[in-house]
């Protein structure tokens, strides 16, 4: 639009002989989390609309406990493009409903701010140790009420904040059995690191009581929204 060349369009048109309009349409590169894209390219299947859903090879990974497998997710994307519905959201309502039904109210949403520095802040710490210095906490009640329940930040100089952080978090979310929601592994990793270095065995035990373990044991309160 600005009269400038696009390296992407230049390279793709030279390599594939596709028109600019075709290159701007959904390409096989856009298939979500698909590791066999090169095989499609080798077959000169560049446009997503030219991919047969059967071309999507079944993934070897285990089926999820609920919802779509990775292959189902990828084939759904192909179907939507081929049917001309790629602008309309597709929601696995059954899988979403199954996951939400397992949540326990009040639901706690937590978000941590941390740092890992090469040079430790305090004596006895290792390089790149986890320092948790702030969290925010929102609560959702069964009736849909949302509130910003708590926040905490370390403002004391010269004091290692991790145990104070964990105690404040326990005060915020430790008085009921409500689900604790976070996004991705960060919050779990921080709590695991604090439990391993905590000098207060009671506090460390509480942290471990809410943390799920790799073998499927441990706490069930923490729910990863990314998963």
C-alpha atoms as a PDB file:
ATOM      1  CA  UNK A   1       0.000   0.000   0.000  1.00  0.00           C
ATOM      2  CA  UNK A   2       2.950   2.323   0.650  1.00  0.00           C
ATOM      3  CA  UNK A   3       4.705   1.339  -2.576  1.00  0.00           C
ATOM      4  CA  UNK A   4       7.347  -0.689  -0.742  1.00  0.00           C
ATOM      5  CA  UNK A   5       8.401  -4.230  -1.568  1.00  0.00           C
ATOM      6  CA  UNK A   6       7.596  -7.156   0.705  1.00  0.00           C
ATOM      7  CA  UNK A   7      10.407  -9.662   1.036  1.00  0.00           C
ATOM      8  CA  UNK A   8       7.895 -12.335   1.987  1.00  0.00           C
ATOM      9  CA  UNK A   9       5.807 -11.789  -1.150  1.00  0.00           C
ATOM     10  CA  UNK A  10       8.904 -11.496  -3.364  1.00  0.00           C
ATOM     11  CA  UNK A  11      10.398 -14.775  -2.140  1.00  0.00           C
ATOM     12  CA  UNK A  12       7.129 -16.717  -2.115  1.00  0.00           C
ATOM     13  CA  UNK A  13       6.049 -15.576  -5.578  1.00  0.00           C
ATOM     14  CA  UNK A  14       9.454 -16.523  -6.981  1.00  0.00           C
ATOM     15  CA  UNK A  15       9.488 -19.933  -5.282  1.00  0.00           C
ATOM     16  CA  UNK A  16       5.841 -20.911  -5.774  1.00  0.00           C
ATOM     17  CA  UNK A  17       4.532 -18.780  -8.664  1.00  0.00           C
ATOM     18  CA  UNK A  18       1.551 -17.836  -6.485  1.00  0.00           C
ATOM     19  CA  UNK A  19      -0.153 -14.504  -7.016  1.00  0.00           C
ATOM     20  CA  UNK A  20      -0.077 -11.765  -4.372  1.00  0.00           C
ATOM     21  CA  UNK A  21      -3.743 -12.495  -3.636  1.00  0.00           C
ATOM     22  CA  UNK A  22      -3.002 -16.194  -3.111  1.00  0.00           C
ATOM     23  CA  UNK A  23      -0.038 -15.451  -0.847  1.00  0.00           C
ATOM     24  CA  UNK A  24      -2.298 -13.197   1.228  1.00  0.00           C
ATOM     25  CA  UNK A  25      -4.786 -16.052   1.715  1.00  0.00           C
ATOM     26  CA  UNK A  26      -4.307 -18.610   4.542  1.00  0.00           C
ATOM     27  CA  UNK A  27      -1.147 -20.630   3.927  1.00  0.00           C
ATOM     28  CA  UNK A  28      -0.170 -24.052   5.248  1.00  0.00           C
ATOM     29  CA  UNK A  29       2.370 -22.232   7.456  1.00  0.00           C
ATOM     30  CA  UNK A  30      -0.576 -21.110   9.578  1.00  0.00           C
ATOM     31  CA  UNK A  31      -1.736 -24.595  10.625  1.00  0.00           C
ATOM     32  CA  UNK A  32      -1.584 -24.438  14.394  1.00  0.00           C
ATOM     33  CA  UNK A  33       1.289 -26.350  16.010  1.00  0.00           C
ATOM     34  CA  UNK A  34       1.679 -28.657  12.999  1.00  0.00           C
ATOM     35  CA  UNK A  35       5.130 -30.214  12.659  1.00  0.00           C
ATOM     36  CA  UNK A  36       4.693 -31.693   9.155  1.00  0.00           C
ATOM     37  CA  UNK A  37       4.332 -28.462   7.191  1.00  0.00           C
ATOM     38  CA  UNK A  38       7.432 -29.194   5.140  1.00  0.00           C
ATOM     39  CA  UNK A  39       5.799 -32.369   3.812  1.00  0.00           C
ATOM     40  CA  UNK A  40       2.874 -30.300   2.519  1.00  0.00           C
ATOM     41  CA  UNK A  41       5.251 -27.778   0.950  1.00  0.00           C
ATOM     42  CA  UNK A  42       7.156 -30.611  -0.740  1.00  0.00           C
ATOM     43  CA  UNK A  43       3.840 -31.685  -2.305  1.00  0.00           C
ATOM     44  CA  UNK A  44       3.369 -28.093  -3.527  1.00  0.00           C
ATOM     45  CA  UNK A  45       0.392 -27.653  -1.241  1.00  0.00           C
ATOM     46  CA  UNK A  46       0.921 -24.033  -0.276  1.00  0.00           C
ATOM     47  CA  UNK A  47      -2.637 -22.802   0.281  1.00  0.00           C
ATOM     48  CA  UNK A  48      -4.587 -24.004   3.264  1.00  0.00           C
ATOM     49  CA  UNK A  49      -7.738 -24.349   1.172  1.00  0.00           C
ATOM     50  CA  UNK A  50      -5.972 -26.982  -0.953  1.00  0.00           C
ATOM     51  CA  UNK A  51      -5.148 -29.184   2.033  1.00  0.00           C
ATOM     52  CA  UNK A  52      -7.342 -32.218   2.613  1.00  0.00           C
ATOM     53  CA  UNK A  53      -8.065 -32.706   6.342  1.00  0.00           C
ATOM     54  CA  UNK A  54      -6.899 -36.278   5.816  1.00  0.00           C
ATOM     55  CA  UNK A  55      -3.476 -34.838   4.946  1.00  0.00           C
ATOM     56  CA  UNK A  56      -3.065 -33.866   8.598  1.00  0.00           C
ATOM     57  CA  UNK A  57      -1.210 -36.814  10.081  1.00  0.00           C
ATOM     58  CA  UNK A  58      -2.494 -38.070  13.419  1.00  0.00           C
ATOM     59  CA  UNK A  59      -0.272 -36.833  16.237  1.00  0.00           C
ATOM     60  CA  UNK A  60       1.391 -39.451  18.421  1.00  0.00           C
ATOM     61  CA  UNK A  61       0.766 -37.502  21.610  1.00  0.00           C
ATOM     62  CA  UNK A  62      -1.798 -38.749  24.096  1.00  0.00           C
ATOM     63  CA  UNK A  63      -5.367 -37.536  23.856  1.00  0.00           C
ATOM     64  CA  UNK A  64      -6.170 -34.709  26.294  1.00  0.00           C
ATOM     65  CA  UNK A  65      -8.452 -35.466  29.277  1.00  0.00           C
ATOM     66  CA  UNK A  66     -11.105 -33.285  27.672  1.00  0.00           C
ATOM     67  CA  UNK A  67     -11.549 -31.236  24.527  1.00  0.00           C
ATOM     68  CA  UNK A  68      -9.860 -31.656  21.160  1.00  0.00           C
ATOM     69  CA  UNK A  69      -6.623 -33.430  20.451  1.00  0.00           C
ATOM     70  CA  UNK A  70      -3.990 -31.440  18.554  1.00  0.00           C
ATOM     71  CA  UNK A  71      -4.980 -33.255  15.348  1.00  0.00           C
ATOM     72  CA  UNK A  72      -8.669 -32.425  15.804  1.00  0.00           C
ATOM     73  CA  UNK A  73      -7.737 -28.783  16.386  1.00  0.00           C
ATOM     74  CA  UNK A  74      -5.632 -28.697  13.201  1.00  0.00           C
ATOM     75  CA  UNK A  75      -8.246 -30.473  11.050  1.00  0.00           C
ATOM     76  CA  UNK A  76     -10.925 -28.109  12.329  1.00  0.00           C
ATOM     77  CA  UNK A  77      -8.820 -25.184  11.111  1.00  0.00           C
ATOM     78  CA  UNK A  78      -8.475 -26.783   7.674  1.00  0.00           C
ATOM     79  CA  UNK A  79     -12.225 -27.478   7.488  1.00  0.00           C
ATOM     80  CA  UNK A  80     -13.022 -23.850   8.366  1.00  0.00           C
ATOM     81  CA  UNK A  81     -10.773 -22.466   5.613  1.00  0.00           C
ATOM     82  CA  UNK A  82     -12.081 -24.915   3.002  1.00  0.00           C
ATOM     83  CA  UNK A  83     -15.691 -24.106   3.977  1.00  0.00           C
ATOM     84  CA  UNK A  84     -15.072 -20.358   3.943  1.00  0.00           C
ATOM     85  CA  UNK A  85     -15.718 -20.011   7.689  1.00  0.00           C
ATOM     86  CA  UNK A  86     -12.192 -19.080   8.773  1.00  0.00           C
ATOM     87  CA  UNK A  87     -13.322 -15.686  10.134  1.00  0.00           C
ATOM     88  CA  UNK A  88     -15.837 -17.228  12.542  1.00  0.00           C
ATOM     89  CA  UNK A  89     -14.638 -18.481  15.952  1.00  0.00           C
ATOM     90  CA  UNK A  90     -15.067 -22.196  16.625  1.00  0.00           C
ATOM     91  CA  UNK A  91     -15.461 -23.134  20.279  1.00  0.00           C
ATOM     92  CA  UNK A  92     -15.331 -26.610  21.777  1.00  0.00           C
ATOM     93  CA  UNK A  93     -18.281 -25.875  24.040  1.00  0.00           C
ATOM     94  CA  UNK A  94     -18.464 -29.397  25.435  1.00  0.00           C
ATOM     95  CA  UNK A  95     -14.797 -29.496  26.386  1.00  0.00           C
ATOM     96  CA  UNK A  96     -14.899 -25.978  27.822  1.00  0.00           C
ATOM     97  CA  UNK A  97     -18.013 -26.773  29.849  1.00  0.00           C
ATOM     98  CA  UNK A  98     -16.380 -29.942  31.229  1.00  0.00           C
ATOM     99  CA  UNK A  99     -13.290 -28.019  32.374  1.00  0.00           C
ATOM    100  CA  UNK A 100     -15.275 -25.143  33.913  1.00  0.00           C
ATOM    101  CA  UNK A 101     -17.535 -27.573  35.792  1.00  0.00           C
ATOM    102  CA  UNK A 102     -14.522 -28.761  37.808  1.00  0.00           C
ATOM    103  CA  UNK A 103     -13.734 -25.308  39.192  1.00  0.00           C
ATOM    104  CA  UNK A 104     -14.529 -24.624  42.850  1.00  0.00           C
ATOM    105  CA  UNK A 105     -15.820 -21.208  43.946  1.00  0.00           C
ATOM    106  CA  UNK A 106     -14.606 -18.747  45.006  1.00  0.00           C
ATOM    107  CA  UNK A 107     -12.162 -18.791  42.097  1.00  0.00           C
ATOM    108  CA  UNK A 108      -8.841 -17.061  42.769  1.00  0.00           C
ATOM    109  CA  UNK A 109      -6.902 -15.463  39.887  1.00  0.00           C
ATOM    110  CA  UNK A 110      -3.258 -14.833  40.744  1.00  0.00           C
ATOM    111  CA  UNK A 111      -0.438 -13.134  38.867  1.00  0.00           C
ATOM    112  CA  UNK A 112       3.182 -12.939  40.072  1.00  0.00           C
ATOM    113  CA  UNK A 113       5.973 -10.497  39.298  1.00  0.00           C
ATOM    114  CA  UNK A 114       9.446 -11.951  39.800  1.00  0.00           C
ATOM    115  CA  UNK A 115      13.047 -11.574  38.701  1.00  0.00           C
ATOM    116  CA  UNK A 116      16.024 -13.844  38.121  1.00  0.00           C
ATOM    117  CA  UNK A 117      19.286 -11.877  38.193  1.00  0.00           C
ATOM    118  CA  UNK A 118      22.772 -13.132  37.437  1.00  0.00           C
ATOM    119  CA  UNK A 119      24.075 -11.203  40.447  1.00  0.00           C
ATOM    120  CA  UNK A 120      22.226 -12.240  43.631  1.00  0.00           C
ATOM    121  CA  UNK A 121      20.636  -9.519  45.744  1.00  0.00           C
ATOM    122  CA  UNK A 122      21.389 -11.177  49.088  1.00  0.00           C
ATOM    123  CA  UNK A 123      24.090 -13.238  50.750  1.00  0.00           C
ATOM    124  CA  UNK A 124      23.615 -16.982  50.389  1.00  0.00           C
ATOM    125  CA  UNK A 125      21.590 -16.774  47.167  1.00  0.00           C
ATOM    126  CA  UNK A 126      22.609 -18.413  43.919  1.00  0.00           C
ATOM    127  CA  UNK A 127      22.826 -16.699  40.534  1.00  0.00           C
ATOM    128  CA  UNK A 128      19.481 -16.561  38.717  1.00  0.00           C
ATOM    129  CA  UNK A 129      17.564 -17.438  41.874  1.00  0.00           C
ATOM    130  CA  UNK A 130      13.841 -16.757  41.809  1.00  0.00           C
ATOM    131  CA  UNK A 131      12.905 -13.535  43.641  1.00  0.00           C
ATOM    132  CA  UNK A 132       9.143 -13.035  44.036  1.00  0.00           C
ATOM    133  CA  UNK A 133       8.422  -9.395  44.829  1.00  0.00           C
ATOM    134  CA  UNK A 134       4.795  -8.725  43.858  1.00  0.00           C
ATOM    135  CA  UNK A 135       1.443 -10.418  43.277  1.00  0.00           C
ATOM    136  CA  UNK A 136      -2.109  -9.409  42.467  1.00  0.00           C
ATOM    137  CA  UNK A 137      -5.205 -11.404  43.380  1.00  0.00           C
ATOM    138  CA  UNK A 138      -8.718 -11.231  41.947  1.00  0.00           C
ATOM    139  CA  UNK A 139     -11.669 -13.311  43.119  1.00  0.00           C
ATOM    140  CA  UNK A 140     -14.768 -14.479  41.264  1.00  0.00           C
ATOM    141  CA  UNK A 141     -17.761 -15.573  43.341  1.00  0.00           C
ATOM    142  CA  UNK A 142     -20.353 -18.138  42.283  1.00  0.00           C
ATOM    143  CA  UNK A 143     -22.823 -15.345  41.502  1.00  0.00           C
ATOM    144  CA  UNK A 144     -20.350 -13.815  39.021  1.00  0.00           C
ATOM    145  CA  UNK A 145     -19.145 -10.991  41.264  1.00  0.00           C
ATOM    146  CA  UNK A 146     -15.529 -10.029  40.488  1.00  0.00           C
ATOM    147  CA  UNK A 147     -13.323  -8.110  42.884  1.00  0.00           C
ATOM    148  CA  UNK A 148      -9.673  -7.155  43.241  1.00  0.00           C
ATOM    149  CA  UNK A 149      -9.172  -8.871  46.582  1.00  0.00           C
ATOM    150  CA  UNK A 150      -5.507  -8.411  47.417  1.00  0.00           C
ATOM    151  CA  UNK A 151      -2.170  -7.134  46.241  1.00  0.00           C
ATOM    152  CA  UNK A 152       1.278  -7.318  47.752  1.00  0.00           C
ATOM    153  CA  UNK A 153       4.632  -5.786  46.891  1.00  0.00           C
ATOM    154  CA  UNK A 154       7.999  -5.905  48.606  1.00  0.00           C
ATOM    155  CA  UNK A 155       9.058  -2.417  49.687  1.00  0.00           C
ATOM    156  CA  UNK A 156      11.628  -3.292  52.379  1.00  0.00           C
ATOM    157  CA  UNK A 157      15.222  -2.903  51.284  1.00  0.00           C
ATOM    158  CA  UNK A 158      17.801  -5.539  52.112  1.00  0.00           C
ATOM    159  CA  UNK A 159      15.237  -8.257  52.973  1.00  0.00           C
ATOM    160  CA  UNK A 160      14.798 -11.420  50.929  1.00  0.00           C
ATOM    161  CA  UNK A 161      11.069 -11.228  50.077  1.00  0.00           C
ATOM    162  CA  UNK A 162      10.159 -14.796  49.115  1.00  0.00           C
ATOM    163  CA  UNK A 163       8.820 -16.013  52.462  1.00  0.00           C
ATOM    164  CA  UNK A 164       6.936 -12.773  53.117  1.00  0.00           C
ATOM    165  CA  UNK A 165       5.505 -13.099  49.625  1.00  0.00           C
ATOM    166  CA  UNK A 166       4.350 -16.674  50.325  1.00  0.00           C
ATOM    167  CA  UNK A 167       2.819 -15.765  53.700  1.00  0.00           C
ATOM    168  CA  UNK A 168       0.871 -12.898  52.153  1.00  0.00           C
ATOM    169  CA  UNK A 169      -0.328 -15.227  49.412  1.00  0.00           C
ATOM    170  CA  UNK A 170      -1.408 -17.801  51.999  1.00  0.00           C
ATOM    171  CA  UNK A 171      -3.358 -15.108  53.837  1.00  0.00           C
ATOM    172  CA  UNK A 172      -5.038 -14.165  50.550  1.00  0.00           C
ATOM    173  CA  UNK A 173      -6.008 -17.588  49.178  1.00  0.00           C
ATOM    174  CA  UNK A 174      -5.477 -20.047  52.020  1.00  0.00           C
ATOM    175  CA  UNK A 175      -8.790 -19.648  53.834  1.00  0.00           C
ATOM    176  CA  UNK A 176     -10.977 -21.720  51.500  1.00  0.00           C
ATOM    177  CA  UNK A 177     -10.752 -24.534  48.939  1.00  0.00           C
ATOM    178  CA  UNK A 178     -11.453 -22.411  45.867  1.00  0.00           C
ATOM    179  CA  UNK A 179      -9.655 -23.058  42.597  1.00  0.00           C
ATOM    180  CA  UNK A 180      -6.504 -21.019  41.955  1.00  0.00           C
ATOM    181  CA  UNK A 181      -6.185 -19.942  38.319  1.00  0.00           C
ATOM    182  CA  UNK A 182      -2.957 -18.819  36.656  1.00  0.00           C
ATOM    183  CA  UNK A 183      -1.628 -18.731  33.086  1.00  0.00           C
ATOM    184  CA  UNK A 184       1.246 -21.018  32.023  1.00  0.00           C
ATOM    185  CA  UNK A 185       3.842 -22.518  34.352  1.00  0.00           C
ATOM    186  CA  UNK A 186       5.326 -19.366  35.896  1.00  0.00           C
ATOM    187  CA  UNK A 187       3.337 -19.213  39.135  1.00  0.00           C
ATOM    188  CA  UNK A 188       3.791 -22.933  39.822  1.00  0.00           C
ATOM    189  CA  UNK A 189       7.535 -22.695  39.184  1.00  0.00           C
ATOM    190  CA  UNK A 190       7.903 -19.738  41.540  1.00  0.00           C
ATOM    191  CA  UNK A 191       6.015 -21.475  44.345  1.00  0.00           C
ATOM    192  CA  UNK A 192       8.014 -24.675  43.859  1.00  0.00           C
ATOM    193  CA  UNK A 193      11.281 -22.715  44.121  1.00  0.00           C
ATOM    194  CA  UNK A 194      10.109 -20.929  47.270  1.00  0.00           C
ATOM    195  CA  UNK A 195       9.058 -24.216  48.901  1.00  0.00           C
ATOM    196  CA  UNK A 196      12.484 -25.730  48.212  1.00  0.00           C
ATOM    197  CA  UNK A 197      14.371 -22.864  49.897  1.00  0.00           C
ATOM    198  CA  UNK A 198      11.844 -21.909  52.572  1.00  0.00           C
ATOM    199  CA  UNK A 199      13.124 -22.035  56.159  1.00  0.00           C
ATOM    200  CA  UNK A 200       9.588 -22.244  57.568  1.00  0.00           C
ATOM    201  CA  UNK A 201       8.507 -25.910  57.263  1.00  0.00           C
ATOM    202  CA  UNK A 202       4.839 -25.096  57.880  1.00  0.00           C
ATOM    203  CA  UNK A 203       4.836 -22.513  55.092  1.00  0.00           C
ATOM    204  CA  UNK A 204       6.676 -24.897  52.754  1.00  0.00           C
ATOM    205  CA  UNK A 205       4.110 -27.622  53.532  1.00  0.00           C
ATOM    206  CA  UNK A 206       1.233 -25.271  52.684  1.00  0.00           C
ATOM    207  CA  UNK A 207       2.831 -24.380  49.346  1.00  0.00           C
ATOM    208  CA  UNK A 208       3.272 -28.048  48.479  1.00  0.00           C
ATOM    209  CA  UNK A 209      -0.339 -28.745  49.474  1.00  0.00           C
ATOM    210  CA  UNK A 210      -1.628 -26.604  46.604  1.00  0.00           C
ATOM    211  CA  UNK A 211       0.989 -27.575  44.024  1.00  0.00           C
ATOM    212  CA  UNK A 212       0.182 -30.424  41.612  1.00  0.00           C
ATOM    213  CA  UNK A 213       2.983 -32.954  41.228  1.00  0.00           C
ATOM    214  CA  UNK A 214       4.374 -34.448  38.019  1.00  0.00           C
ATOM    215  CA  UNK A 215       3.115 -37.914  38.976  1.00  0.00           C
ATOM    216  CA  UNK A 216      -0.464 -36.665  39.242  1.00  0.00           C
ATOM    217  CA  UNK A 217      -0.490 -36.418  43.033  1.00  0.00           C
ATOM    218  CA  UNK A 218      -0.434 -33.317  45.182  1.00  0.00           C
ATOM    219  CA  UNK A 219      -2.827 -30.414  45.268  1.00  0.00           C
ATOM    220  CA  UNK A 220      -5.705 -29.976  42.817  1.00  0.00           C
ATOM    221  CA  UNK A 221      -6.491 -26.318  43.480  1.00  0.00           C
ATOM    222  CA  UNK A 222      -4.106 -24.787  40.937  1.00  0.00           C
ATOM    223  CA  UNK A 223      -5.510 -24.675  37.406  1.00  0.00           C
ATOM    224  CA  UNK A 224      -3.419 -23.572  34.408  1.00  0.00           C
ATOM    225  CA  UNK A 225      -5.657 -21.564  32.068  1.00  0.00           C
ATOM    226  CA  UNK A 226      -3.201 -22.191  29.208  1.00  0.00           C
ATOM    227  CA  UNK A 227      -3.628 -25.950  29.591  1.00  0.00           C
END
